[in-house]
Amino acid sequence: MQNDKKVKIMPCLDMQNGRVVKGVHFVDIKDAGDPAECAKAYCDAGADELAMLDITATVENRSTMLDVVKKVAFVTTIPFTVGGGISDLKTAEAVLKAGADKISTSSAAFRKPDMIAEMVKQFGAEKVTVAIDVDKNPKLPSGYEVYIDGGRTATGTDAVEWAKKIDSFGVKVILPTSKATDGAKTGYDLPLIKAIADATSAEIVASGGAGEMKHFTEAAKAGATILLAASVFHFNIIKIPELKKYLRQDGIKVIL
């Protein structure tokens, strides 16, 4: 399915101990720089949105580092989404007050689905993203199972059914990440993107697995309108202006 909407390029800052890091399949973490420096560079390079994910906040049972959110928000000139450790309305409000434009919630949303509706009501649907970590499970109807706690805990829940429930709360953006492709640079999980795009009315963020420019085209054609990546941008494998030019040549509408 080709999108009529313009796709957006969204670098993601995965955070650990106040530094940008990058892993493969949610593990094998290595340092990738200072978050504020990375954020500014991405804004200057023409990114359309920015994500920052505190990848160990939920597992360490703490909320997102607000001082880091403030530093990144200060230098960021594009819509800025923050996730990781956002487990209640109070934390979400603190993150938004620290300068985030949107919050993303995953494990807490799964454990307390009513919280999604409360966040939409309190902050507005455009400020709430729900992320879904998944892995393949052929025993489930869609073939994909929801995982929580940073991809560590299997839930037994079908990922597409959970996406439909999220969509029913009026959430505008759903961010699925496939554990099988995360950080592997072999391409996004296209059947997952297509299944969730077809089953919901939300914008879908393609996440986990970009390694070359053609992977972004494939994700857009599968139904994603926000194309998220980390490694290829952090380590300068792909430059955002060149990526946008490539996508346009492939017939994908982009924001110039």
C-alpha atoms as a PDB file:
ATOM      1  CA  MET A   1       0.000   0.000   0.000  1.00  0.00           C
ATOM      2  CA  GLN A   2       1.501   3.317  -1.066  1.00  0.00           C
ATOM      3  CA  ASN A   3       0.850   6.249   1.250  1.00  0.00           C
ATOM      4  CA  ASP A   4      -0.675   9.473  -0.042  1.00  0.00           C
ATOM      5  CA  LYS A   5       0.697  11.281   3.006  1.00  0.00           C
ATOM      6  CA  LYS A   6       4.219  12.634   3.109  1.00  0.00           C
ATOM      7  CA  VAL A   7       6.471  10.341   5.101  1.00  0.00           C
ATOM      8  CA  LYS A   8       8.540  11.731   7.957  1.00  0.00           C
ATOM      9  CA  ILE A   9      12.115  10.793   8.856  1.00  0.00           C
ATOM     10  CA  MET A  10      12.551  10.228  12.604  1.00  0.00           C
ATOM     11  CA  PRO A  11      15.978   9.541  14.108  1.00  0.00           C
ATOM     12  CA  CYS A  12      15.747   7.812  17.486  1.00  0.00           C
ATOM     13  CA  LEU A  13      18.025   8.466  20.443  1.00  0.00           C
ATOM     14  CA  ASP A  14      18.096   5.302  22.536  1.00  0.00           C
ATOM     15  CA  MET A  15      19.257   6.427  25.978  1.00  0.00           C
ATOM     16  CA  GLN A  16      21.105   4.659  28.769  1.00  0.00           C
ATOM     17  CA  ASN A  17      22.790   6.429  31.706  1.00  0.00           C
ATOM     18  CA  GLY A  18      22.348   9.805  29.987  1.00  0.00           C
ATOM     19  CA  ARG A  19      24.137   8.757  26.769  1.00  0.00           C
ATOM     20  CA  VAL A  20      22.873   7.761  23.323  1.00  0.00           C
ATOM     21  CA  VAL A  21      23.433   4.032  22.793  1.00  0.00           C
ATOM     22  CA  LYS A  22      22.571   1.450  20.150  1.00  0.00           C
ATOM     23  CA  GLY A  23      22.005  -2.265  20.441  1.00  0.00           C
ATOM     24  CA  VAL A  24      21.174  -5.268  18.279  1.00  0.00           C
ATOM     25  CA  HIS A  25      18.013  -7.294  19.037  1.00  0.00           C
ATOM     26  CA  PHE A  26      17.590  -5.106  22.184  1.00  0.00           C
ATOM     27  CA  VAL A  27      21.017  -6.173  23.576  1.00  0.00           C
ATOM     28  CA  ASP A  28      24.766  -5.730  22.761  1.00  0.00           C
ATOM     29  CA  ILE A  29      24.640  -2.031  23.642  1.00  0.00           C
ATOM     30  CA  LYS A  30      27.352   0.434  22.543  1.00  0.00           C
ATOM     31  CA  ASP A  31      27.833   4.185  23.020  1.00  0.00           C
ATOM     32  CA  ALA A  32      26.775   6.554  20.225  1.00  0.00           C
ATOM     33  CA  GLY A  33      27.225  10.037  21.702  1.00  0.00           C
ATOM     34  CA  ASP A  34      25.798  12.980  23.634  1.00  0.00           C
ATOM     35  CA  PRO A  35      21.995  13.316  23.242  1.00  0.00           C
ATOM     36  CA  ALA A  36      21.819  17.106  22.860  1.00  0.00           C
ATOM     37  CA  GLU A  37      24.649  17.121  20.291  1.00  0.00           C
ATOM     38  CA  CYS A  38      22.955  14.300  18.353  1.00  0.00           C
ATOM     39  CA  ALA A  39      19.577  16.047  18.479  1.00  0.00           C
ATOM     40  CA  LYS A  40      20.943  19.341  17.184  1.00  0.00           C
ATOM     41  CA  ALA A  41      22.789  17.578  14.367  1.00  0.00           C
ATOM     42  CA  TYR A  42      19.615  15.805  13.297  1.00  0.00           C
ATOM     43  CA  CYS A  43      17.594  19.030  13.304  1.00  0.00           C
ATOM     44  CA  ASP A  44      20.281  20.691  11.175  1.00  0.00           C
ATOM     45  CA  ALA A  45      20.318  17.695   8.808  1.00  0.00           C
ATOM     46  CA  GLY A  46      16.607  17.960   8.003  1.00  0.00           C
ATOM     47  CA  ALA A  47      14.997  15.326  10.241  1.00  0.00           C
ATOM     48  CA  ASP A  48      11.209  15.784  10.462  1.00  0.00           C
ATOM     49  CA  GLU A  49      10.716  14.432  13.971  1.00  0.00           C
ATOM     50  CA  LEU A  50      12.915  13.156  16.791  1.00  0.00           C
ATOM     51  CA  ALA A  51      12.394  10.320  19.258  1.00  0.00           C
ATOM     52  CA  MET A  52      14.220   9.710  22.531  1.00  0.00           C
ATOM     53  CA  LEU A  53      13.755   6.401  24.316  1.00  0.00           C
ATOM     54  CA  ASP A  54      15.100   5.692  27.793  1.00  0.00           C
ATOM     55  CA  ILE A  55      15.591   1.982  27.093  1.00  0.00           C
ATOM     56  CA  THR A  56      16.219   0.784  30.658  1.00  0.00           C
ATOM     57  CA  ALA A  57      13.825   3.037  32.617  1.00  0.00           C
ATOM     58  CA  THR A  58      11.022   0.455  32.820  1.00  0.00           C
ATOM     59  CA  VAL A  59      13.317  -2.434  33.747  1.00  0.00           C
ATOM     60  CA  GLU A  60      15.082  -0.287  36.377  1.00  0.00           C
ATOM     61  CA  ASN A  61      11.650   0.774  37.670  1.00  0.00           C
ATOM     62  CA  ARG A  62      12.282   4.508  37.352  1.00  0.00           C
ATOM     63  CA  SER A  63      10.893   7.355  35.315  1.00  0.00           C
ATOM     64  CA  THR A  64      12.545   9.108  32.361  1.00  0.00           C
ATOM     65  CA  MET A  65      15.511  11.401  33.093  1.00  0.00           C
ATOM     66  CA  LEU A  66      13.897  14.838  32.956  1.00  0.00           C
ATOM     67  CA  ASP A  67      17.207  16.728  32.916  1.00  0.00           C
ATOM     68  CA  VAL A  68      18.156  14.959  29.665  1.00  0.00           C
ATOM     69  CA  VAL A  69      14.703  15.695  28.186  1.00  0.00           C
ATOM     70  CA  LYS A  70      15.186  19.402  28.995  1.00  0.00           C
ATOM     71  CA  LYS A  71      18.663  19.531  27.409  1.00  0.00           C
ATOM     72  CA  VAL A  72      17.479  17.827  24.230  1.00  0.00           C
ATOM     73  CA  ALA A  73      14.253  19.874  24.019  1.00  0.00           C
ATOM     74  CA  PHE A  74      16.290  23.085  24.334  1.00  0.00           C
ATOM     75  CA  VAL A  75      18.199  22.410  21.086  1.00  0.00           C
ATOM     76  CA  THR A  76      15.413  20.630  19.188  1.00  0.00           C
ATOM     77  CA  THR A  77      13.411  22.510  16.533  1.00  0.00           C
ATOM     78  CA  ILE A  78      11.193  19.624  15.352  1.00  0.00           C
ATOM     79  CA  PRO A  79       8.450  17.568  17.074  1.00  0.00           C
ATOM     80  CA  PHE A  80      10.086  15.580  19.863  1.00  0.00           C
ATOM     81  CA  THR A  81       8.694  12.310  21.283  1.00  0.00           C
ATOM     82  CA  VAL A  82       9.977  10.860  24.570  1.00  0.00           C
ATOM     83  CA  GLY A  83       9.411   7.294  25.783  1.00  0.00           C
ATOM     84  CA  GLY A  84      10.682   4.938  28.453  1.00  0.00           C
ATOM     85  CA  GLY A  85       9.470   4.757  32.040  1.00  0.00           C
ATOM     86  CA  ILE A  86       6.262   6.725  31.391  1.00  0.00           C
ATOM     87  CA  SER A  87       3.986   4.665  33.609  1.00  0.00           C
ATOM     88  CA  ASP A  88       1.361   7.180  34.770  1.00  0.00           C
ATOM     89  CA  LEU A  89      -0.219  10.536  33.963  1.00  0.00           C
ATOM     90  CA  LYS A  90       1.983  12.420  36.431  1.00  0.00           C
ATOM     91  CA  THR A  91       5.190  11.239  34.744  1.00  0.00           C
ATOM     92  CA  ALA A  92       3.757  11.936  31.285  1.00  0.00           C
ATOM     93  CA  GLU A  93       2.863  15.477  32.344  1.00  0.00           C
ATOM     94  CA  ALA A  94       6.370  16.041  33.774  1.00  0.00           C
ATOM     95  CA  VAL A  95       7.974  14.888  30.504  1.00  0.00           C
ATOM     96  CA  LEU A  96       5.739  17.195  28.455  1.00  0.00           C
ATOM     97  CA  LYS A  97       6.510  20.096  30.812  1.00  0.00           C
ATOM     98  CA  ALA A  98      10.242  19.343  30.436  1.00  0.00           C
ATOM     99  CA  GLY A  99       9.893  20.117  26.720  1.00  0.00           C
ATOM    100  CA  ALA A 100       8.714  16.970  24.940  1.00  0.00           C
ATOM    101  CA  ASP A 101       5.995  17.511  22.314  1.00  0.00           C
ATOM    102  CA  LYS A 102       4.706  13.944  22.636  1.00  0.00           C
ATOM    103  CA  ILE A 103       5.065  11.001  24.998  1.00  0.00           C
ATOM    104  CA  SER A 104       5.359   7.331  24.091  1.00  0.00           C
ATOM    105  CA  THR A 105       4.261   4.554  26.425  1.00  0.00           C
ATOM    106  CA  SER A 106       4.578   0.804  25.996  1.00  0.00           C
ATOM    107  CA  SER A 107       4.777  -1.583  28.973  1.00  0.00           C
ATOM    108  CA  ALA A 108       2.629   0.577  31.267  1.00  0.00           C
ATOM    109  CA  ALA A 109       0.027   1.011  28.531  1.00  0.00           C
ATOM    110  CA  PHE A 110      -0.164  -2.753  28.128  1.00  0.00           C
ATOM    111  CA  ARG A 111      -0.514  -3.342  31.866  1.00  0.00           C
ATOM    112  CA  LYS A 112      -3.027  -0.512  32.324  1.00  0.00           C
ATOM    113  CA  PRO A 113      -4.915   0.055  29.041  1.00  0.00           C
ATOM    114  CA  ASP A 114      -7.279   2.541  30.691  1.00  0.00           C
ATOM    115  CA  MET A 115      -4.265   4.821  31.100  1.00  0.00           C
ATOM    116  CA  ILE A 116      -4.156   5.267  27.315  1.00  0.00           C
ATOM    117  CA  ALA A 117      -7.679   6.674  27.299  1.00  0.00           C
ATOM    118  CA  GLU A 118      -6.823   8.910  30.284  1.00  0.00           C
ATOM    119  CA  MET A 119      -3.727  10.279  28.530  1.00  0.00           C
ATOM    120  CA  VAL A 120      -5.661  10.966  25.331  1.00  0.00           C
ATOM    121  CA  LYS A 121      -8.321  12.789  27.351  1.00  0.00           C
ATOM    122  CA  GLN A 122      -5.860  14.830  29.425  1.00  0.00           C
ATOM    123  CA  PHE A 123      -3.172  15.711  26.871  1.00  0.00           C
ATOM    124  CA  GLY A 124      -4.907  15.260  23.500  1.00  0.00           C
ATOM    125  CA  ALA A 125      -4.592  12.322  21.094  1.00  0.00           C
ATOM    126  CA  GLU A 126      -1.847  14.049  19.075  1.00  0.00           C
ATOM    127  CA  LYS A 127       0.485  13.963  22.100  1.00  0.00           C
ATOM    128  CA  VAL A 128       0.176  10.223  22.792  1.00  0.00           C
ATOM    129  CA  THR A 129       2.128   7.488  20.976  1.00  0.00           C
ATOM    130  CA  VAL A 130       1.794   3.848  22.018  1.00  0.00           C
ATOM    131  CA  ALA A 131       4.780   1.630  21.274  1.00  0.00           C
ATOM    132  CA  ILE A 132       4.543  -2.139  20.860  1.00  0.00           C
ATOM    133  CA  ASP A 133       7.576  -4.423  21.094  1.00  0.00           C
ATOM    134  CA  VAL A 134       6.873  -7.695  19.314  1.00  0.00           C
ATOM    135  CA  ASP A 135       8.478 -10.982  18.392  1.00  0.00           C
ATOM    136  CA  LYS A 136       7.323 -13.692  16.039  1.00  0.00           C
ATOM    137  CA  ASN A 137       5.017 -16.362  17.449  1.00  0.00           C
ATOM    138  CA  PRO A 138       3.398 -18.633  14.842  1.00  0.00           C
ATOM    139  CA  LYS A 139       0.851 -19.867  17.406  1.00  0.00           C
ATOM    140  CA  LEU A 140      -0.918 -16.480  17.470  1.00  0.00           C
ATOM    141  CA  PRO A 141      -3.397 -15.384  14.746  1.00  0.00           C
ATOM    142  CA  SER A 142      -1.163 -12.592  13.366  1.00  0.00           C
ATOM    143  CA  GLY A 143       2.065 -14.506  13.969  1.00  0.00           C
ATOM    144  CA  TYR A 144       3.297 -11.762  16.313  1.00  0.00           C
ATOM    145  CA  GLU A 145       3.308 -11.581  20.131  1.00  0.00           C
ATOM    146  CA  VAL A 146       3.465  -8.464  22.324  1.00  0.00           C
ATOM    147  CA  TYR A 147       6.538  -8.208  24.578  1.00  0.00           C
ATOM    148  CA  ILE A 148       6.963  -5.755  27.460  1.00  0.00           C
ATOM    149  CA  ASP A 149       9.773  -4.621  29.790  1.00  0.00           C
ATOM    150  CA  GLY A 150      12.098  -3.612  26.969  1.00  0.00           C
ATOM    151  CA  GLY A 151      11.420  -6.774  24.989  1.00  0.00           C
ATOM    152  CA  ARG A 152      12.193  -9.050  27.936  1.00  0.00           C
ATOM    153  CA  THR A 153       8.747 -10.357  28.928  1.00  0.00           C
ATOM    154  CA  ALA A 154       6.394 -12.319  26.662  1.00  0.00           C
ATOM    155  CA  THR A 155       2.690 -11.567  27.204  1.00  0.00           C
ATOM    156  CA  GLY A 156       0.886 -14.198  25.127  1.00  0.00           C
ATOM    157  CA  THR A 157      -1.113 -11.381  23.487  1.00  0.00           C
ATOM    158  CA  ASP A 158      -1.499 -11.064  19.729  1.00  0.00           C
ATOM    159  CA  ALA A 159       0.222  -7.880  18.537  1.00  0.00           C
ATOM    160  CA  VAL A 160      -2.346  -6.920  15.891  1.00  0.00           C
ATOM    161  CA  GLU A 161      -5.254  -7.414  18.317  1.00  0.00           C
ATOM    162  CA  TRP A 162      -3.450  -5.178  20.826  1.00  0.00           C
ATOM    163  CA  ALA A 163      -2.873  -2.566  18.100  1.00  0.00           C
ATOM    164  CA  LYS A 164      -6.631  -2.580  17.346  1.00  0.00           C
ATOM    165  CA  LYS A 165      -7.367  -1.961  21.021  1.00  0.00           C
ATOM    166  CA  ILE A 166      -4.876   0.934  21.108  1.00  0.00           C
ATOM    167  CA  ASP A 167      -6.503   2.367  17.980  1.00  0.00           C
ATOM    168  CA  SER A 168      -9.931   2.222  19.650  1.00  0.00           C
ATOM    169  CA  PHE A 169      -8.725   4.781  22.229  1.00  0.00           C
ATOM    170  CA  GLY A 170      -8.125   7.323  19.454  1.00  0.00           C
ATOM    171  CA  VAL A 171      -4.318   7.185  19.568  1.00  0.00           C
ATOM    172  CA  LYS A 172      -2.882   8.877  16.456  1.00  0.00           C
ATOM    173  CA  VAL A 173       0.493   7.072  16.315  1.00  0.00           C
ATOM    174  CA  ILE A 174       1.441   3.424  16.937  1.00  0.00           C
ATOM    175  CA  LEU A 175       5.110   2.460  17.029  1.00  0.00           C
ATOM    176  CA  PRO A 176       5.725  -1.284  16.576  1.00  0.00           C
ATOM    177  CA  THR A 177       9.282  -2.596  16.882  1.00  0.00           C
ATOM    178  CA  SER A 178      10.113  -6.155  15.857  1.00  0.00           C
ATOM    179  CA  LYS A 179      12.647  -7.851  18.111  1.00  0.00           C
ATOM    180  CA  ALA A 180      13.634 -10.073  15.180  1.00  0.00           C
ATOM    181  CA  THR A 181      14.846  -7.138  13.049  1.00  0.00           C
ATOM    182  CA  ASP A 182      15.883  -4.567  15.705  1.00  0.00           C
ATOM    183  CA  GLY A 183      19.370  -3.232  15.000  1.00  0.00           C
ATOM    184  CA  ALA A 184      20.073  -6.011  12.501  1.00  0.00           C
ATOM    185  CA  LYS A 185      20.179  -3.625   9.503  1.00  0.00           C
ATOM    186  CA  THR A 186      18.468  -6.265   7.340  1.00  0.00           C
ATOM    187  CA  GLY A 187      15.265  -4.273   6.812  1.00  0.00           C
ATOM    188  CA  TYR A 188      12.098  -3.495   8.743  1.00  0.00           C
ATOM    189  CA  ASP A 189       9.579  -6.226   9.554  1.00  0.00           C
ATOM    190  CA  LEU A 190       7.307  -5.432   6.603  1.00  0.00           C
ATOM    191  CA  PRO A 191       4.513  -7.972   7.299  1.00  0.00           C
ATOM    192  CA  LEU A 192       4.196  -6.498  10.817  1.00  0.00           C
ATOM    193  CA  ILE A 193       3.958  -2.916   9.497  1.00  0.00           C
ATOM    194  CA  LYS A 194       1.398  -3.908   6.877  1.00  0.00           C
ATOM    195  CA  ALA A 195      -0.714  -5.930   9.326  1.00  0.00           C
ATOM    196  CA  ILE A 196      -0.962  -3.070  11.843  1.00  0.00           C
ATOM    197  CA  ALA A 197      -1.428  -0.393   9.153  1.00  0.00           C
ATOM    198  CA  ASP A 198      -4.278  -2.395   7.609  1.00  0.00           C
ATOM    199  CA  ALA A 199      -5.932  -3.100  10.987  1.00  0.00           C
ATOM    200  CA  THR A 200      -5.869   0.449  12.422  1.00  0.00           C
ATOM    201  CA  SER A 201      -6.455   4.083  11.476  1.00  0.00           C
ATOM    202  CA  ALA A 202      -3.334   5.327  13.298  1.00  0.00           C
ATOM    203  CA  GLU A 203      -0.113   6.498  11.693  1.00  0.00           C
ATOM    204  CA  ILE A 204       2.434   3.679  11.854  1.00  0.00           C
ATOM    205  CA  VAL A 205       6.068   4.247  12.748  1.00  0.00           C
ATOM    206  CA  ALA A 206       8.455   1.819  11.049  1.00  0.00           C
ATOM    207  CA  SER A 207      11.031   0.877  13.675  1.00  0.00           C
ATOM    208  CA  GLY A 208      13.808  -1.672  13.978  1.00  0.00           C
ATOM    209  CA  GLY A 209      16.021  -2.906  11.194  1.00  0.00           C
ATOM    210  CA  ALA A 210      16.902  -0.138   8.718  1.00  0.00           C
ATOM    211  CA  GLY A 211      20.302  -0.766   7.161  1.00  0.00           C
ATOM    212  CA  GLU A 212      20.119   0.807   3.707  1.00  0.00           C
ATOM    213  CA  MET A 213      17.975   3.319   1.865  1.00  0.00           C
ATOM    214  CA  LYS A 214      15.772   0.781   0.112  1.00  0.00           C
ATOM    215  CA  HIS A 215      14.502  -0.402   3.511  1.00  0.00           C
ATOM    216  CA  PHE A 216      12.861   3.004   4.064  1.00  0.00           C
ATOM    217  CA  THR A 217      11.072   2.786   0.702  1.00  0.00           C
ATOM    218  CA  GLU A 218       9.868  -0.725   1.550  1.00  0.00           C
ATOM    219  CA  ALA A 219       8.474   0.449   4.898  1.00  0.00           C
ATOM    220  CA  ALA A 220       6.614   3.365   3.297  1.00  0.00           C
ATOM    221  CA  LYS A 221       5.105   1.046   0.699  1.00  0.00           C
ATOM    222  CA  ALA A 222       4.044  -1.351   3.492  1.00  0.00           C
ATOM    223  CA  GLY A 223       2.030   1.452   5.102  1.00  0.00           C
ATOM    224  CA  ALA A 224       4.357   3.336   7.478  1.00  0.00           C
ATOM    225  CA  THR A 225       4.237   7.139   7.385  1.00  0.00           C
ATOM    226  CA  ILE A 226       6.972   7.771   9.965  1.00  0.00           C
ATOM    227  CA  LEU A 227      10.317   6.112   9.293  1.00  0.00           C
ATOM    228  CA  LEU A 228      12.390   5.706  12.449  1.00  0.00           C
ATOM    229  CA  ALA A 229      16.009   4.605  12.559  1.00  0.00           C
ATOM    230  CA  ALA A 230      18.983   4.899  14.873  1.00  0.00           C
ATOM    231  CA  SER A 231      22.217   3.112  13.916  1.00  0.00           C
ATOM    232  CA  VAL A 232      22.314   4.200  10.281  1.00  0.00           C
ATOM    233  CA  PHE A 233      21.978   7.845  11.324  1.00  0.00           C
ATOM    234  CA  HIS A 234      24.141   7.743  14.475  1.00  0.00           C
ATOM    235  CA  PHE A 235      27.073   6.138  12.695  1.00  0.00           C
ATOM    236  CA  ASN A 236      26.627   8.228   9.524  1.00  0.00           C
ATOM    237  CA  ILE A 237      25.861   5.260   7.293  1.00  0.00           C
ATOM    238  CA  ILE A 238      22.915   7.174   5.798  1.00  0.00           C
ATOM    239  CA  LYS A 239      22.587  10.969   5.609  1.00  0.00           C
ATOM    240  CA  ILE A 240      19.044  12.356   5.917  1.00  0.00           C
ATOM    241  CA  PRO A 241      19.166  14.736   2.881  1.00  0.00           C
ATOM    242  CA  GLU A 242      20.399  11.892   0.678  1.00  0.00           C
ATOM    243  CA  LEU A 243      17.716   9.579   2.056  1.00  0.00           C
ATOM    244  CA  LYS A 244      14.961  12.086   1.246  1.00  0.00           C
ATOM    245  CA  LYS A 245      16.288  12.489  -2.289  1.00  0.00           C
ATOM    246  CA  TYR A 246      16.347   8.691  -2.686  1.00  0.00           C
ATOM    247  CA  LEU A 247      12.771   8.324  -1.406  1.00  0.00           C
ATOM    248  CA  ARG A 248      11.510  11.012  -3.803  1.00  0.00           C
ATOM    249  CA  GLN A 249      13.144   9.196  -6.711  1.00  0.00           C
ATOM    250  CA  ASP A 250      11.290   6.060  -5.568  1.00  0.00           C
ATOM    251  CA  GLY A 251       7.990   7.936  -5.704  1.00  0.00           C
ATOM    252  CA  ILE A 252       7.631   8.423  -1.942  1.00  0.00           C
ATOM    253  CA  LYS A 253       6.411  11.880  -0.869  1.00  0.00           C
ATOM    254  CA  VAL A 254       8.744  13.520   1.655  1.00  0.00           C
ATOM    255  CA  ILE A 255       8.940  16.817   3.538  1.00  0.00           C
ATOM    256  CA  LEU A 256      11.674  18.961   2.009  1.00  0.00           C
END
